Amino acid sequence: MPCVPLATTVLLLAASALAQTGSISHPPTDIVKRYVVLDQKGARLDAMSFETLAPYIDWRQEPAWGRVVVIQEATVPEDHRQWEIIDKLEVIIPVTYRVLGSVYLETAVFVPEEAVEEVRFRVKAVHGTWRIIEPVIPPHVGLKRMVNFVREAQRQETDQEKRSTLVALEASLRKAK
């Protein structure tokens, strides 16, 4: 029996799990849930982590966003009666976000805008796996992750004026709770 290196075994198991997750034998909500959770954790805040979303989406480039939507929570309905079924290989799944406001990246300002937002994700079978086809929306990041992102930006900022702006941004985000 050939000896398989541990790293290869782990890589194969991860690939197998990923293939099963996106498989059309699983409900399309699995893909939407994973995408929403990764987005909430800030996977779209930098180019390097965007690659973690590749198995769930059908677009290859993330647009440059001028704002980040800060959310309290997101809800993906399990009940297929809440979906719009186009055919057996395409559905629209509504995701409800509890929005706290938006951070405008150019000015590093948080604008509180509490609302409930519904985004209708079109999910389609592509080469035997579910993929989110549209819409491509601005990042919807959880409050805690956004605060941590701003705090990290403060630590890396060398310009005192910009650092002060980031401190004010963190303070306004903390008030959003």
Protein backbone atom coordinates (compact mmCIF):
# COMPACT_ATOMS: atom_id res chain seq x y z
CA MET A 1 0.00 0.00 0.00
CA PRO A 2 1.52 3.38 -1.02
CA CYS A 3 2.26 5.95 1.66
CA VAL A 4 0.34 9.20 1.10
CA PRO A 5 1.79 12.33 2.76
CA LEU A 6 -0.44 13.88 5.44
CA ALA A 7 -0.59 17.26 3.64
CA THR A 8 -1.88 15.55 0.49
CA THR A 9 -4.52 13.66 2.50
CA VAL A 10 -5.72 16.85 4.20
CA LEU A 11 -5.83 18.67 0.84
CA LEU A 12 -7.83 15.86 -0.75
CA LEU A 13 -10.29 15.77 2.16
CA ALA A 14 -10.77 19.55 1.97
CA ALA A 15 -11.36 19.39 -1.78
CA SER A 16 -13.80 16.53 -1.30
CA ALA A 17 -15.74 18.46 1.36
CA LEU A 18 -15.86 21.52 -0.87
CA ALA A 19 -17.14 19.49 -3.81
CA GLN A 20 -19.87 17.97 -1.65
CA THR A 21 -20.91 21.37 -0.33
CA GLY A 22 -21.53 22.84 -3.76
CA SER A 23 -22.98 19.66 -5.20
CA ILE A 24 -26.46 19.95 -6.67
CA SER A 25 -27.42 17.00 -4.46
CA HIS A 26 -27.30 19.52 -1.57
CA PRO A 27 -29.78 22.37 -1.21
CA PRO A 28 -28.75 25.65 -2.87
CA THR A 29 -29.11 27.40 0.50
CA ASP A 30 -25.86 25.70 1.59
CA ILE A 31 -23.92 27.84 -0.89
CA VAL A 32 -25.81 31.02 -0.01
CA LYS A 33 -25.30 30.45 3.72
CA ARG A 34 -21.56 29.89 3.32
CA TYR A 35 -21.22 32.97 1.13
CA VAL A 36 -23.22 35.15 3.56
CA VAL A 37 -21.23 33.92 6.58
CA LEU A 38 -17.88 34.50 4.86
CA ASP A 39 -19.01 37.95 3.73
CA GLN A 40 -20.18 38.75 7.26
CA LYS A 41 -16.73 37.73 8.55
CA GLY A 42 -15.06 40.16 6.13
CA ALA A 43 -13.86 37.83 3.37
CA ARG A 44 -14.47 40.55 0.79
CA LEU A 45 -12.55 43.28 2.63
CA ASP A 46 -9.25 42.39 0.98
CA ALA A 47 -8.21 40.82 -2.29
CA MET A 48 -6.40 37.85 -0.73
CA SER A 49 -9.41 36.55 1.19
CA PHE A 50 -11.74 37.03 -1.79
CA GLU A 51 -10.38 33.74 -3.15
CA THR A 52 -12.18 31.89 -0.33
CA LEU A 53 -15.46 32.88 -2.01
CA ALA A 54 -14.54 31.50 -5.45
CA PRO A 55 -16.27 28.11 -4.94
CA TYR A 56 -19.59 29.85 -4.23
CA ILE A 57 -19.83 32.52 -6.92
CA ASP A 58 -19.83 32.73 -10.69
CA TRP A 59 -17.88 35.99 -11.06
CA ARG A 60 -14.10 36.18 -10.98
CA GLN A 61 -13.47 39.78 -9.95
CA GLU A 62 -14.69 41.79 -7.03
CA PRO A 63 -15.56 45.38 -7.96
CA ALA A 64 -13.90 48.21 -6.04
CA TRP A 65 -16.51 49.22 -3.50
CA GLY A 66 -16.86 52.71 -2.06
CA ARG A 67 -18.78 51.47 0.94
CA VAL A 68 -19.23 48.52 3.24
CA VAL A 69 -22.68 47.70 4.62
CA VAL A 70 -22.46 46.99 8.35
CA ILE A 71 -24.95 44.38 9.50
CA GLN A 72 -26.20 42.92 12.74
CA GLU A 73 -27.34 39.62 11.22
CA ALA A 74 -28.40 37.83 8.05
CA THR A 75 -31.13 35.23 7.60
CA VAL A 76 -31.25 32.63 4.81
CA PRO A 77 -34.60 30.80 4.60
CA GLU A 78 -34.46 26.99 4.61
CA ASP A 79 -38.09 26.67 3.51
CA HIS A 80 -38.17 26.26 -0.27
CA ARG A 81 -41.64 27.85 -0.33
CA GLN A 82 -39.90 31.17 0.38
CA TRP A 83 -37.68 30.80 -2.68
CA GLU A 84 -38.58 31.63 -6.25
CA ILE A 85 -38.00 28.44 -8.21
CA ILE A 86 -37.14 29.18 -11.84
CA ASP A 87 -36.56 25.51 -12.71
CA LYS A 88 -34.87 22.50 -11.10
CA LEU A 89 -31.41 24.00 -11.72
CA GLU A 90 -32.07 27.66 -10.90
CA VAL A 91 -33.63 29.37 -7.89
CA ILE A 92 -33.79 32.79 -6.29
CA ILE A 93 -33.24 32.77 -2.54
CA PRO A 94 -34.12 35.89 -0.54
CA VAL A 95 -31.64 36.81 2.19
CA THR A 96 -32.74 39.25 4.87
CA TYR A 97 -30.10 41.52 6.39
CA ARG A 98 -30.54 43.58 9.52
CA VAL A 99 -28.51 46.63 8.48
CA LEU A 100 -26.96 49.04 10.97
CA GLY A 101 -25.49 51.46 8.43
CA SER A 102 -22.64 51.94 5.99
CA VAL A 103 -18.95 52.75 6.21
CA TYR A 104 -17.84 54.99 3.35
CA LEU A 105 -14.27 54.01 2.62
CA GLU A 106 -13.07 57.22 0.95
CA THR A 107 -13.95 59.36 3.97
CA ALA A 108 -13.76 56.66 6.70
CA VAL A 109 -17.18 57.68 7.99
CA PHE A 110 -19.94 55.48 9.39
CA VAL A 111 -23.47 56.58 8.52
CA PRO A 112 -26.06 54.84 10.69
CA GLU A 113 -29.04 53.70 8.61
CA GLU A 114 -30.90 50.98 10.48
CA ALA A 115 -33.05 49.01 8.08
CA VAL A 116 -34.08 45.56 6.98
CA GLU A 117 -32.72 44.80 3.52
CA GLU A 118 -33.70 41.87 1.33
CA VAL A 119 -31.27 40.68 -1.33
CA ARG A 120 -32.48 38.08 -3.80
CA PHE A 121 -29.60 35.75 -4.71
CA ARG A 122 -29.92 33.94 -8.05
CA VAL A 123 -28.38 30.49 -7.64
CA LYS A 124 -27.84 28.23 -10.63
CA ALA A 125 -26.26 24.85 -11.29
CA VAL A 126 -22.98 25.41 -13.14
CA HIS A 127 -21.01 22.29 -14.15
CA GLY A 128 -22.75 20.20 -11.50
CA THR A 129 -22.35 22.60 -8.58
CA TRP A 130 -24.48 25.43 -7.22
CA ARG A 131 -23.12 28.94 -7.82
CA ILE A 132 -24.41 32.38 -6.94
CA ILE A 133 -24.87 34.11 -10.30
CA GLU A 134 -26.08 37.50 -9.08
CA PRO A 135 -26.33 40.08 -7.64
CA VAL A 136 -22.84 41.33 -6.91
CA ILE A 137 -23.53 43.51 -3.87
CA PRO A 138 -21.23 45.61 -1.65
CA PRO A 139 -19.68 43.69 1.24
CA HIS A 140 -22.14 43.08 4.10
CA VAL A 141 -19.87 42.80 7.13
CA GLY A 142 -20.77 42.10 10.74
CA LEU A 143 -20.32 44.93 13.23
CA LYS A 144 -17.71 43.15 15.35
CA ARG A 145 -15.59 42.27 12.29
CA MET A 146 -15.84 45.83 10.97
CA VAL A 147 -14.66 47.25 14.31
CA ASN A 148 -11.71 44.83 14.28
CA PHE A 149 -10.91 45.76 10.66
CA VAL A 150 -10.85 49.48 11.55
CA ARG A 151 -8.74 48.80 14.66
CA GLU A 152 -6.20 46.90 12.52
CA ALA A 153 -6.13 49.78 10.02
CA GLN A 154 -5.38 52.15 12.92
CA ARG A 155 -2.38 50.07 13.97
CA GLN A 156 -0.97 50.08 10.46
CA GLU A 157 -1.58 53.77 9.75
CA THR A 158 1.49 56.01 10.12
CA ASP A 159 -0.20 59.34 9.33
CA GLN A 160 -1.54 60.81 12.59
CA GLU A 161 -4.45 62.63 10.92
CA LYS A 162 -5.64 59.47 9.18
CA ARG A 163 -5.20 57.51 12.39
CA SER A 164 -7.40 60.06 14.20
CA THR A 165 -10.06 59.63 11.52
CA LEU A 166 -9.96 55.87 12.04
CA VAL A 167 -10.26 56.30 15.82
CA ALA A 168 -13.39 58.42 15.25
CA LEU A 169 -14.74 55.78 12.86
CA GLU A 170 -14.23 53.04 15.44
CA ALA A 171 -16.02 55.13 18.08
CA SER A 172 -19.01 55.72 15.79
CA LEU A 173 -19.19 52.00 14.97
CA ARG A 174 -19.17 51.12 18.67
CA LYS A 175 -22.20 53.41 19.18
CA ALA A 176 -24.11 51.39 16.56
CA LYS A 177 -24.60 48.53 18.97
